[in-house]
């Protein structure tokens, strides 16, 4: 085993420990916590779509505490303004000038709760921050902290008072997850256990922000073979030619799939990507980027997309 593979194994052990500790707070969701970590280490942002009360906010808070990140939460409502998220300049009489007061976006992990209850104008205020890690206001461009990770939650669109996220906003999220209800056994432990708020307060950070940046840099060195790149391109071509999708995947989606696959391979303790890594993250990377031409009754969108992409030959 060479040094690079040894380093990956050692880092993988640390991340797995974090996932196991977080699973003590968010019960029965170890696979989703692992996907959330894959999203973070790939340098992306995460969208969680599910019903209220499933544990979306708890997941974000638990990750922030375990990672040692500065944390801010934004509760979206229909009267929320972009300045409430980005910040505003206020005239300070004593100084005789305008002074910028940064908003909650200037943090390392930002939870944008119920993002689709905010108006499109407010949603658009997040675009530059999520895509470029900076905010442009008052003719000044201000960098955001590093690492910078947005976790947004949204309620199902059929619920009252929601504004569907436009494609440009959805495309800023590397992955889209759903948590679903816990199993009966896990829910029994939840009901018998302590208050989740107390458990969150007892979390001891296992990482520091600079360590996360190191891991993100390691993920970028995970090697995708030429055949693996061709496989991702075949997936992109299939989505663009298939009659089942209204539009195909963009080049940005292809990059997202590659980065996510590298991150997933890293979490499995490897410094090279296999087709199995692509298949593991594929549904979560493309589900919010693709629209089906028609719904299949009784079958979820995730299942439909997974079944369709099985038609792409595996190298």
C-alpha atoms as a PDB file:
ATOM      1  CA  UNK A   1       0.000   0.000   0.000  1.00  0.00           C
ATOM      2  CA  UNK A   2       1.566   3.332  -1.068  1.00  0.00           C
ATOM      3  CA  UNK A   3       1.655   6.475   1.089  1.00  0.00           C
ATOM      4  CA  UNK A   4      -1.225   8.132  -0.736  1.00  0.00           C
ATOM      5  CA  UNK A   5      -3.492   5.128  -0.160  1.00  0.00           C
ATOM      6  CA  UNK A   6      -2.366   4.996   3.490  1.00  0.00           C
ATOM      7  CA  UNK A   7      -3.270   8.678   3.967  1.00  0.00           C
ATOM      8  CA  UNK A   8      -6.697   8.077   2.445  1.00  0.00           C
ATOM      9  CA  UNK A   9      -7.290   5.110   4.763  1.00  0.00           C
ATOM     10  CA  UNK A  10      -6.326   7.158   7.836  1.00  0.00           C
ATOM     11  CA  UNK A  11      -8.536  10.098   6.839  1.00  0.00           C
ATOM     12  CA  UNK A  12     -11.372   7.712   5.983  1.00  0.00           C
ATOM     13  CA  UNK A  13     -11.236   6.270   9.508  1.00  0.00           C
ATOM     14  CA  UNK A  14     -11.671   9.753  11.017  1.00  0.00           C
ATOM     15  CA  UNK A  15     -14.652  10.557   8.807  1.00  0.00           C
ATOM     16  CA  UNK A  16     -16.288   7.214   9.578  1.00  0.00           C
ATOM     17  CA  UNK A  17     -15.934   7.968  13.298  1.00  0.00           C
ATOM     18  CA  UNK A  18     -17.734  11.283  12.767  1.00  0.00           C
ATOM     19  CA  UNK A  19     -20.543   9.561  10.838  1.00  0.00           C
ATOM     20  CA  UNK A  20     -20.986   7.004  13.628  1.00  0.00           C
ATOM     21  CA  UNK A  21     -21.120   9.724  16.293  1.00  0.00           C
ATOM     22  CA  UNK A  22     -23.660  11.741  14.303  1.00  0.00           C
ATOM     23  CA  UNK A  23     -25.770   8.590  13.929  1.00  0.00           C
ATOM     24  CA  UNK A  24     -26.287   8.584  17.696  1.00  0.00           C
ATOM     25  CA  UNK A  25     -28.226  11.834  17.344  1.00  0.00           C
ATOM     26  CA  UNK A  26     -29.926  11.266  13.976  1.00  0.00           C
ATOM     27  CA  UNK A  27     -31.120   7.693  14.331  1.00  0.00           C
ATOM     28  CA  UNK A  28     -31.446   5.262  11.430  1.00  0.00           C
ATOM     29  CA  UNK A  29     -29.889   7.706   8.924  1.00  0.00           C
ATOM     30  CA  UNK A  30     -26.240   6.637   8.733  1.00  0.00           C
ATOM     31  CA  UNK A  31     -26.411   6.283   4.936  1.00  0.00           C
ATOM     32  CA  UNK A  32     -27.778   9.823   4.554  1.00  0.00           C
ATOM     33  CA  UNK A  33     -25.146  11.249   6.917  1.00  0.00           C
ATOM     34  CA  UNK A  34     -22.489   9.567   4.779  1.00  0.00           C
ATOM     35  CA  UNK A  35     -23.968  11.155   1.649  1.00  0.00           C
ATOM     36  CA  UNK A  36     -24.032  14.549   3.374  1.00  0.00           C
ATOM     37  CA  UNK A  37     -20.337  14.158   4.221  1.00  0.00           C
ATOM     38  CA  UNK A  38     -19.609  13.128   0.635  1.00  0.00           C
ATOM     39  CA  UNK A  39     -21.326  16.317  -0.520  1.00  0.00           C
ATOM     40  CA  UNK A  40     -19.276  18.472   1.870  1.00  0.00           C
ATOM     41  CA  UNK A  41     -15.939  16.846   0.986  1.00  0.00           C
ATOM     42  CA  UNK A  42     -16.723  17.258  -2.713  1.00  0.00           C
ATOM     43  CA  UNK A  43     -17.015  20.998  -2.068  1.00  0.00           C
ATOM     44  CA  UNK A  44     -20.737  21.179  -2.852  1.00  0.00           C
ATOM     45  CA  UNK A  45     -23.956  22.219  -1.148  1.00  0.00           C
ATOM     46  CA  UNK A  46     -26.812  20.013   0.042  1.00  0.00           C
ATOM     47  CA  UNK A  47     -30.582  20.237  -0.437  1.00  0.00           C
ATOM     48  CA  UNK A  48     -32.816  18.107   1.796  1.00  0.00           C
ATOM     49  CA  UNK A  49     -36.421  17.746   0.711  1.00  0.00           C
ATOM     50  CA  UNK A  50     -38.845  16.145   3.130  1.00  0.00           C
ATOM     51  CA  UNK A  51     -41.768  16.706   5.472  1.00  0.00           C
ATOM     52  CA  UNK A  52     -41.382  18.915   8.564  1.00  0.00           C
ATOM     53  CA  UNK A  53     -40.225  17.123  11.711  1.00  0.00           C
ATOM     54  CA  UNK A  54     -38.165  14.404  10.013  1.00  0.00           C
ATOM     55  CA  UNK A  55     -34.785  15.605  11.365  1.00  0.00           C
ATOM     56  CA  UNK A  56     -33.416  17.866   8.645  1.00  0.00           C
ATOM     57  CA  UNK A  57     -32.462  20.699  10.992  1.00  0.00           C
ATOM     58  CA  UNK A  58     -31.017  18.294  13.560  1.00  0.00           C
ATOM     59  CA  UNK A  59     -28.784  16.775  10.890  1.00  0.00           C
ATOM     60  CA  UNK A  60     -27.385  20.185   9.941  1.00  0.00           C
ATOM     61  CA  UNK A  61     -26.750  21.187  13.567  1.00  0.00           C
ATOM     62  CA  UNK A  62     -25.107  17.870  14.407  1.00  0.00           C
ATOM     63  CA  UNK A  63     -22.728  18.121  11.452  1.00  0.00           C
ATOM     64  CA  UNK A  64     -21.825  21.708  12.323  1.00  0.00           C
ATOM     65  CA  UNK A  65     -20.950  20.747  15.892  1.00  0.00           C
ATOM     66  CA  UNK A  66     -18.984  17.625  14.959  1.00  0.00           C
ATOM     67  CA  UNK A  67     -17.034  19.547  12.317  1.00  0.00           C
ATOM     68  CA  UNK A  68     -16.295  22.512  14.571  1.00  0.00           C
ATOM     69  CA  UNK A  69     -17.875  24.918  12.067  1.00  0.00           C
ATOM     70  CA  UNK A  70     -19.299  28.367  12.706  1.00  0.00           C
ATOM     71  CA  UNK A  71     -23.048  27.850  12.307  1.00  0.00           C
ATOM     72  CA  UNK A  72     -25.920  30.144  11.357  1.00  0.00           C
ATOM     73  CA  UNK A  73     -29.536  29.330  10.647  1.00  0.00           C
ATOM     74  CA  UNK A  74     -31.852  31.293   8.364  1.00  0.00           C
ATOM     75  CA  UNK A  75     -35.573  30.613   8.748  1.00  0.00           C
ATOM     76  CA  UNK A  76     -37.157  31.443   5.404  1.00  0.00           C
ATOM     77  CA  UNK A  77     -40.529  33.174   5.217  1.00  0.00           C
ATOM     78  CA  UNK A  78     -42.305  34.969   2.395  1.00  0.00           C
ATOM     79  CA  UNK A  79     -41.297  38.385   3.755  1.00  0.00           C
ATOM     80  CA  UNK A  80     -37.584  37.553   4.037  1.00  0.00           C
ATOM     81  CA  UNK A  81     -35.354  39.886   1.980  1.00  0.00           C
ATOM     82  CA  UNK A  82     -31.941  39.190   0.375  1.00  0.00           C
ATOM     83  CA  UNK A  83     -30.364  41.663   2.803  1.00  0.00           C
ATOM     84  CA  UNK A  84     -31.583  39.551   5.715  1.00  0.00           C
ATOM     85  CA  UNK A  85     -29.283  36.789   4.461  1.00  0.00           C
ATOM     86  CA  UNK A  86     -26.390  38.677   2.853  1.00  0.00           C
ATOM     87  CA  UNK A  87     -26.136  41.712   5.146  1.00  0.00           C
ATOM     88  CA  UNK A  88     -26.650  45.455   4.778  1.00  0.00           C
ATOM     89  CA  UNK A  89     -24.677  48.689   4.953  1.00  0.00           C
ATOM     90  CA  UNK A  90     -25.859  51.046   7.678  1.00  0.00           C
ATOM     91  CA  UNK A  91     -24.849  54.677   8.030  1.00  0.00           C
ATOM     92  CA  UNK A  92     -22.875  55.128  11.250  1.00  0.00           C
ATOM     93  CA  UNK A  93     -23.158  58.702  12.402  1.00  0.00           C
ATOM     94  CA  UNK A  94     -20.097  58.551  14.625  1.00  0.00           C
ATOM     95  CA  UNK A  95     -17.911  57.411  11.735  1.00  0.00           C
ATOM     96  CA  UNK A  96     -19.614  59.517   9.102  1.00  0.00           C
ATOM     97  CA  UNK A  97     -19.785  56.628   6.667  1.00  0.00           C
ATOM     98  CA  UNK A  98     -21.671  53.474   5.806  1.00  0.00           C
ATOM     99  CA  UNK A  99     -20.552  50.346   7.679  1.00  0.00           C
ATOM    100  CA  UNK A 100     -21.305  46.867   6.348  1.00  0.00           C
ATOM    101  CA  UNK A 101     -23.023  44.505   8.767  1.00  0.00           C
ATOM    102  CA  UNK A 102     -22.574  40.943   7.478  1.00  0.00           C
ATOM    103  CA  UNK A 103     -25.586  38.645   7.380  1.00  0.00           C
ATOM    104  CA  UNK A 104     -25.758  34.990   8.436  1.00  0.00           C
ATOM    105  CA  UNK A 105     -24.355  33.874   5.058  1.00  0.00           C
ATOM    106  CA  UNK A 106     -20.917  34.822   6.421  1.00  0.00           C
ATOM    107  CA  UNK A 107     -20.515  31.560   8.289  1.00  0.00           C
ATOM    108  CA  UNK A 108     -18.970  28.166   7.574  1.00  0.00           C
ATOM    109  CA  UNK A 109     -22.159  26.100   7.710  1.00  0.00           C
ATOM    110  CA  UNK A 110     -25.372  27.913   6.875  1.00  0.00           C
ATOM    111  CA  UNK A 111     -28.719  26.206   7.311  1.00  0.00           C
ATOM    112  CA  UNK A 112     -31.321  27.773   5.020  1.00  0.00           C
ATOM    113  CA  UNK A 113     -34.451  26.291   6.531  1.00  0.00           C
ATOM    114  CA  UNK A 114     -37.549  25.877   4.344  1.00  0.00           C
ATOM    115  CA  UNK A 115     -35.865  27.643   1.434  1.00  0.00           C
ATOM    116  CA  UNK A 116     -38.914  27.297  -0.787  1.00  0.00           C
ATOM    117  CA  UNK A 117     -40.980  29.454   1.579  1.00  0.00           C
ATOM    118  CA  UNK A 118     -38.805  32.418   0.551  1.00  0.00           C
ATOM    119  CA  UNK A 119     -39.686  34.381  -2.581  1.00  0.00           C
ATOM    120  CA  UNK A 120     -37.663  33.898  -5.792  1.00  0.00           C
ATOM    121  CA  UNK A 121     -35.958  37.276  -5.210  1.00  0.00           C
ATOM    122  CA  UNK A 122     -34.626  36.110  -1.853  1.00  0.00           C
ATOM    123  CA  UNK A 123     -33.676  32.691  -3.223  1.00  0.00           C
ATOM    124  CA  UNK A 124     -31.623  34.394  -5.934  1.00  0.00           C
ATOM    125  CA  UNK A 125     -29.568  36.159  -3.263  1.00  0.00           C
ATOM    126  CA  UNK A 126     -27.875  32.836  -2.563  1.00  0.00           C
ATOM    127  CA  UNK A 127     -26.735  32.151  -6.137  1.00  0.00           C
ATOM    128  CA  UNK A 128     -23.394  33.966  -6.133  1.00  0.00           C
ATOM    129  CA  UNK A 129     -22.558  32.847  -2.598  1.00  0.00           C
ATOM    130  CA  UNK A 130     -23.124  29.174  -3.411  1.00  0.00           C
ATOM    131  CA  UNK A 131     -21.456  29.223  -6.821  1.00  0.00           C
ATOM    132  CA  UNK A 132     -18.425  31.406  -6.139  1.00  0.00           C
ATOM    133  CA  UNK A 133     -18.015  31.605  -2.361  1.00  0.00           C
ATOM    134  CA  UNK A 134     -18.399  35.372  -2.329  1.00  0.00           C
ATOM    135  CA  UNK A 135     -20.982  38.122  -1.981  1.00  0.00           C
ATOM    136  CA  UNK A 136     -21.099  41.287  -4.101  1.00  0.00           C
ATOM    137  CA  UNK A 137     -22.812  44.226  -2.394  1.00  0.00           C
ATOM    138  CA  UNK A 138     -22.375  48.006  -2.617  1.00  0.00           C
ATOM    139  CA  UNK A 139     -19.749  47.643  -5.357  1.00  0.00           C
ATOM    140  CA  UNK A 140     -17.618  45.476  -3.087  1.00  0.00           C
ATOM    141  CA  UNK A 141     -16.961  41.756  -3.366  1.00  0.00           C
ATOM    142  CA  UNK A 142     -16.560  40.046  -0.005  1.00  0.00           C
ATOM    143  CA  UNK A 143     -15.209  36.490   0.286  1.00  0.00           C
ATOM    144  CA  UNK A 144     -17.060  34.006   2.440  1.00  0.00           C
ATOM    145  CA  UNK A 145     -15.360  31.859   5.108  1.00  0.00           C
ATOM    146  CA  UNK A 146     -13.709  28.591   4.111  1.00  0.00           C
ATOM    147  CA  UNK A 147     -14.910  25.940   4.174  1.00  0.00           C
ATOM    148  CA  UNK A 148     -18.356  27.155   3.176  1.00  0.00           C
ATOM    149  CA  UNK A 149     -21.240  24.679   3.198  1.00  0.00           C
ATOM    150  CA  UNK A 150     -24.928  25.438   2.651  1.00  0.00           C
ATOM    151  CA  UNK A 151     -27.558  22.957   3.768  1.00  0.00           C
ATOM    152  CA  UNK A 152     -31.013  23.999   2.603  1.00  0.00           C
ATOM    153  CA  UNK A 153     -34.232  22.250   3.498  1.00  0.00           C
ATOM    154  CA  UNK A 154     -37.460  22.447   1.581  1.00  0.00           C
ATOM    155  CA  UNK A 155     -40.966  21.164   2.132  1.00  0.00           C
ATOM    156  CA  UNK A 156     -42.738  19.168  -0.570  1.00  0.00           C
ATOM    157  CA  UNK A 157     -44.076  21.546  -3.217  1.00  0.00           C
ATOM    158  CA  UNK A 158     -47.665  20.506  -2.672  1.00  0.00           C
ATOM    159  CA  UNK A 159     -47.597  22.086   0.790  1.00  0.00           C
ATOM    160  CA  UNK A 160     -49.116  25.544   1.175  1.00  0.00           C
ATOM    161  CA  UNK A 161     -46.999  28.686   0.939  1.00  0.00           C
ATOM    162  CA  UNK A 162     -44.093  27.311  -1.088  1.00  0.00           C
ATOM    163  CA  UNK A 163     -42.311  28.744  -4.151  1.00  0.00           C
ATOM    164  CA  UNK A 164     -40.705  26.152  -6.434  1.00  0.00           C
ATOM    165  CA  UNK A 165     -36.943  26.583  -6.751  1.00  0.00           C
ATOM    166  CA  UNK A 166     -35.927  27.522 -10.322  1.00  0.00           C
ATOM    167  CA  UNK A 167     -33.504  25.304 -12.241  1.00  0.00           C
ATOM    168  CA  UNK A 168     -30.642  27.780 -11.753  1.00  0.00           C
ATOM    169  CA  UNK A 169     -31.065  27.558  -7.976  1.00  0.00           C
ATOM    170  CA  UNK A 170     -31.430  23.770  -7.933  1.00  0.00           C
ATOM    171  CA  UNK A 171     -28.286  23.412 -10.016  1.00  0.00           C
ATOM    172  CA  UNK A 172     -26.243  25.104  -7.262  1.00  0.00           C
ATOM    173  CA  UNK A 173     -26.867  22.093  -5.018  1.00  0.00           C
ATOM    174  CA  UNK A 174     -24.487  19.213  -5.573  1.00  0.00           C
ATOM    175  CA  UNK A 175     -26.903  16.683  -4.048  1.00  0.00           C
ATOM    176  CA  UNK A 176     -30.546  16.445  -3.060  1.00  0.00           C
ATOM    177  CA  UNK A 177     -31.502  13.983  -0.310  1.00  0.00           C
ATOM    178  CA  UNK A 178     -34.650  12.917   1.466  1.00  0.00           C
ATOM    179  CA  UNK A 179     -34.594  11.409   4.954  1.00  0.00           C
ATOM    180  CA  UNK A 180     -37.993   9.662   5.110  1.00  0.00           C
ATOM    181  CA  UNK A 181     -39.569   8.341   8.298  1.00  0.00           C
ATOM    182  CA  UNK A 182     -37.345   6.305  10.652  1.00  0.00           C
ATOM    183  CA  UNK A 183     -37.848   2.588  11.107  1.00  0.00           C
ATOM    184  CA  UNK A 184     -40.161   1.491  13.929  1.00  0.00           C
ATOM    185  CA  UNK A 185     -37.214   0.353  16.064  1.00  0.00           C
ATOM    186  CA  UNK A 186     -35.352   3.635  15.559  1.00  0.00           C
ATOM    187  CA  UNK A 187     -38.472   5.650  16.331  1.00  0.00           C
ATOM    188  CA  UNK A 188     -38.973   3.641  19.508  1.00  0.00           C
ATOM    189  CA  UNK A 189     -35.434   4.537  20.607  1.00  0.00           C
ATOM    190  CA  UNK A 190     -36.155   8.151  19.697  1.00  0.00           C
ATOM    191  CA  UNK A 191     -39.279   8.232  21.862  1.00  0.00           C
ATOM    192  CA  UNK A 192     -37.519   6.577  24.799  1.00  0.00           C
ATOM    193  CA  UNK A 193     -34.313   8.593  24.478  1.00  0.00           C
ATOM    194  CA  UNK A 194     -33.390  12.044  25.619  1.00  0.00           C
ATOM    195  CA  UNK A 195     -34.209  15.379  24.040  1.00  0.00           C
ATOM    196  CA  UNK A 196     -32.289  15.816  20.768  1.00  0.00           C
ATOM    197  CA  UNK A 197     -31.429  19.396  21.805  1.00  0.00           C
ATOM    198  CA  UNK A 198     -29.574  18.096  24.850  1.00  0.00           C
ATOM    199  CA  UNK A 199     -27.731  15.556  22.729  1.00  0.00           C
ATOM    200  CA  UNK A 200     -26.687  18.317  20.325  1.00  0.00           C
ATOM    201  CA  UNK A 201     -25.348  20.399  23.210  1.00  0.00           C
ATOM    202  CA  UNK A 202     -23.228  17.461  24.384  1.00  0.00           C
ATOM    203  CA  UNK A 203     -21.491  16.971  21.015  1.00  0.00           C
ATOM    204  CA  UNK A 204     -17.721  17.380  21.119  1.00  0.00           C
ATOM    205  CA  UNK A 205     -16.100  18.588  17.857  1.00  0.00           C
ATOM    206  CA  UNK A 206     -14.112  15.848  16.138  1.00  0.00           C
ATOM    207  CA  UNK A 207     -12.723  18.076  13.370  1.00  0.00           C
ATOM    208  CA  UNK A 208     -11.525  21.614  12.828  1.00  0.00           C
ATOM    209  CA  UNK A 209     -12.275  23.678   9.710  1.00  0.00           C
ATOM    210  CA  UNK A 210      -8.692  23.484   8.413  1.00  0.00           C
ATOM    211  CA  UNK A 211      -8.870  19.682   8.600  1.00  0.00           C
ATOM    212  CA  UNK A 212     -11.974  19.675   6.413  1.00  0.00           C
ATOM    213  CA  UNK A 213     -10.137  21.797   3.828  1.00  0.00           C
ATOM    214  CA  UNK A 214      -7.305  19.229   3.854  1.00  0.00           C
ATOM    215  CA  UNK A 215      -9.797  16.423   3.245  1.00  0.00           C
ATOM    216  CA  UNK A 216     -11.437  18.360   0.404  1.00  0.00           C
ATOM    217  CA  UNK A 217      -8.014  18.741  -1.217  1.00  0.00           C
ATOM    218  CA  UNK A 218      -7.389  14.999  -0.829  1.00  0.00           C
ATOM    219  CA  UNK A 219     -10.720  14.210  -2.506  1.00  0.00           C
ATOM    220  CA  UNK A 220      -9.656  16.199  -5.578  1.00  0.00           C
ATOM    221  CA  UNK A 221      -6.649  13.883  -5.992  1.00  0.00           C
ATOM    222  CA  UNK A 222      -8.760  10.696  -6.121  1.00  0.00           C
ATOM    223  CA  UNK A 223      -8.057   9.297  -9.582  1.00  0.00           C
ATOM    224  CA  UNK A 224     -10.793   8.721 -12.195  1.00  0.00           C
ATOM    225  CA  UNK A 225      -9.580   6.476 -15.019  1.00  0.00           C
ATOM    226  CA  UNK A 226     -10.269   7.337 -18.652  1.00  0.00           C
ATOM    227  CA  UNK A 227     -12.884   4.570 -18.833  1.00  0.00           C
ATOM    228  CA  UNK A 228     -14.630   6.116 -15.821  1.00  0.00           C
ATOM    229  CA  UNK A 229     -14.724   9.529 -17.508  1.00  0.00           C
ATOM    230  CA  UNK A 230     -16.207   7.872 -20.605  1.00  0.00           C
ATOM    231  CA  UNK A 231     -18.848   6.204 -18.410  1.00  0.00           C
ATOM    232  CA  UNK A 232     -19.911   9.580 -16.965  1.00  0.00           C
ATOM    233  CA  UNK A 233     -20.102  10.998 -20.497  1.00  0.00           C
ATOM    234  CA  UNK A 234     -22.272   8.049 -21.542  1.00  0.00           C
ATOM    235  CA  UNK A 235     -24.620   8.899 -18.665  1.00  0.00           C
ATOM    236  CA  UNK A 236     -24.786  12.521 -19.790  1.00  0.00           C
ATOM    237  CA  UNK A 237     -25.455  11.494 -23.402  1.00  0.00           C
ATOM    238  CA  UNK A 238     -28.160   9.052 -22.310  1.00  0.00           C
ATOM    239  CA  UNK A 239     -29.989  11.785 -20.363  1.00  0.00           C
ATOM    240  CA  UNK A 240     -29.859  14.134 -23.367  1.00  0.00           C
ATOM    241  CA  UNK A 241     -31.154  11.568 -25.849  1.00  0.00           C
ATOM    242  CA  UNK A 242     -33.695   9.791 -23.653  1.00  0.00           C
ATOM    243  CA  UNK A 243     -37.388  10.425 -24.285  1.00  0.00           C
ATOM    244  CA  UNK A 244     -38.000  10.031 -20.546  1.00  0.00           C
ATOM    245  CA  UNK A 245     -36.469  13.408 -19.629  1.00  0.00           C
ATOM    246  CA  UNK A 246     -37.615  16.878 -20.643  1.00  0.00           C
ATOM    247  CA  UNK A 247     -34.000  18.100 -20.830  1.00  0.00           C
ATOM    248  CA  UNK A 248     -30.670  16.362 -20.353  1.00  0.00           C
ATOM    249  CA  UNK A 249     -27.881  16.850 -17.838  1.00  0.00           C
ATOM    250  CA  UNK A 250     -25.585  19.849 -18.302  1.00  0.00           C
ATOM    251  CA  UNK A 251     -21.759  19.822 -18.265  1.00  0.00           C
ATOM    252  CA  UNK A 252     -21.980  21.274 -14.743  1.00  0.00           C
ATOM    253  CA  UNK A 253     -24.015  18.240 -13.732  1.00  0.00           C
ATOM    254  CA  UNK A 254     -21.282  16.032 -15.198  1.00  0.00           C
ATOM    255  CA  UNK A 255     -18.676  17.786 -13.064  1.00  0.00           C
ATOM    256  CA  UNK A 256     -20.927  17.383 -10.026  1.00  0.00           C
ATOM    257  CA  UNK A 257     -21.238  13.656 -10.709  1.00  0.00           C
ATOM    258  CA  UNK A 258     -17.472  13.300 -11.054  1.00  0.00           C
ATOM    259  CA  UNK A 259     -16.709  15.229  -7.848  1.00  0.00           C
ATOM    260  CA  UNK A 260     -19.332  13.290  -5.920  1.00  0.00           C
ATOM    261  CA  UNK A 261     -17.942   9.985  -7.203  1.00  0.00           C
ATOM    262  CA  UNK A 262     -14.428  10.972  -6.133  1.00  0.00           C
ATOM    263  CA  UNK A 263     -15.731  11.887  -2.680  1.00  0.00           C
ATOM    264  CA  UNK A 264     -17.669   8.630  -2.347  1.00  0.00           C
ATOM    265  CA  UNK A 265     -14.590   6.610  -3.361  1.00  0.00           C
ATOM    266  CA  UNK A 266     -12.606   8.531  -0.721  1.00  0.00           C
ATOM    267  CA  UNK A 267     -15.192   7.603   1.928  1.00  0.00           C
ATOM    268  CA  UNK A 268     -14.766   3.956   0.941  1.00  0.00           C
ATOM    269  CA  UNK A 269     -11.035   4.259   1.615  1.00  0.00           C
ATOM    270  CA  UNK A 270      -9.842   4.309  -2.008  1.00  0.00           C
ATOM    271  CA  UNK A 271      -7.783   6.798  -4.022  1.00  0.00           C
ATOM    272  CA  UNK A 272      -9.376   5.744  -7.325  1.00  0.00           C
ATOM    273  CA  UNK A 273     -12.955   5.825  -8.599  1.00  0.00           C
ATOM    274  CA  UNK A 274     -14.959   2.758  -9.622  1.00  0.00           C
ATOM    275  CA  UNK A 275     -18.223   2.628 -11.599  1.00  0.00           C
ATOM    276  CA  UNK A 276     -19.889   1.537  -8.351  1.00  0.00           C
ATOM    277  CA  UNK A 277     -19.036   4.935  -6.853  1.00  0.00           C
ATOM    278  CA  UNK A 278     -20.760   6.700  -9.739  1.00  0.00           C
ATOM    279  CA  UNK A 279     -23.836   4.508  -9.319  1.00  0.00           C
ATOM    280  CA  UNK A 280     -23.925   5.098  -5.551  1.00  0.00           C
ATOM    281  CA  UNK A 281     -24.188   8.890  -5.866  1.00  0.00           C
ATOM    282  CA  UNK A 282     -25.971   9.137  -9.223  1.00  0.00           C
ATOM    283  CA  UNK A 283     -29.593   9.311  -7.959  1.00  0.00           C
ATOM    284  CA  UNK A 284     -28.778  12.037  -5.411  1.00  0.00           C
ATOM    285  CA  UNK A 285     -26.790  14.139  -7.891  1.00  0.00           C
ATOM    286  CA  UNK A 286     -29.310  14.079 -10.753  1.00  0.00           C
ATOM    287  CA  UNK A 287     -32.751  13.749  -9.125  1.00  0.00           C
ATOM    288  CA  UNK A 288     -33.205  17.538  -8.723  1.00  0.00           C
ATOM    289  CA  UNK A 289     -31.685  18.290 -12.123  1.00  0.00           C
ATOM    290  CA  UNK A 290     -33.952  16.092 -14.254  1.00  0.00           C
ATOM    291  CA  UNK A 291     -37.641  16.347 -14.990  1.00  0.00           C
ATOM    292  CA  UNK A 292     -39.480  13.276 -16.173  1.00  0.00           C
ATOM    293  CA  UNK A 293     -41.711  13.585 -19.219  1.00  0.00           C
ATOM    294  CA  UNK A 294     -44.393  11.664 -17.351  1.00  0.00           C
ATOM    295  CA  UNK A 295     -44.875  10.335 -13.831  1.00  0.00           C
ATOM    296  CA  UNK A 296     -45.185   6.648 -13.081  1.00  0.00           C
ATOM    297  CA  UNK A 297     -47.905   6.024 -10.470  1.00  0.00           C
ATOM    298  CA  UNK A 298     -46.656   4.282  -7.347  1.00  0.00           C
ATOM    299  CA  UNK A 299     -42.966   4.746  -8.238  1.00  0.00           C
ATOM    300  CA  UNK A 300     -40.766   7.468  -6.760  1.00  0.00           C
ATOM    301  CA  UNK A 301     -38.737   9.768  -8.986  1.00  0.00           C
ATOM    302  CA  UNK A 302     -35.533   8.416  -7.456  1.00  0.00           C
ATOM    303  CA  UNK A 303     -36.459   4.828  -8.315  1.00  0.00           C
ATOM    304  CA  UNK A 304     -37.479   5.789 -11.850  1.00  0.00           C
ATOM    305  CA  UNK A 305     -34.216   7.597 -12.545  1.00  0.00           C
ATOM    306  CA  UNK A 306     -32.148   4.763 -11.038  1.00  0.00           C
ATOM    307  CA  UNK A 307     -33.906   2.193 -13.229  1.00  0.00           C
ATOM    308  CA  UNK A 308     -33.497   4.298 -16.370  1.00  0.00           C
ATOM    309  CA  UNK A 309     -29.764   4.799 -15.929  1.00  0.00           C
ATOM    310  CA  UNK A 310     -29.246   1.053 -15.576  1.00  0.00           C
ATOM    311  CA  UNK A 311     -29.582   1.014 -19.350  1.00  0.00           C
ATOM    312  CA  UNK A 312     -26.178   2.723 -19.639  1.00  0.00           C
ATOM    313  CA  UNK A 313     -23.462   0.039 -20.139  1.00  0.00           C
ATOM    314  CA  UNK A 314     -20.978  -0.196 -17.254  1.00  0.00           C
ATOM    315  CA  UNK A 315     -17.280  -0.308 -18.229  1.00  0.00           C
END
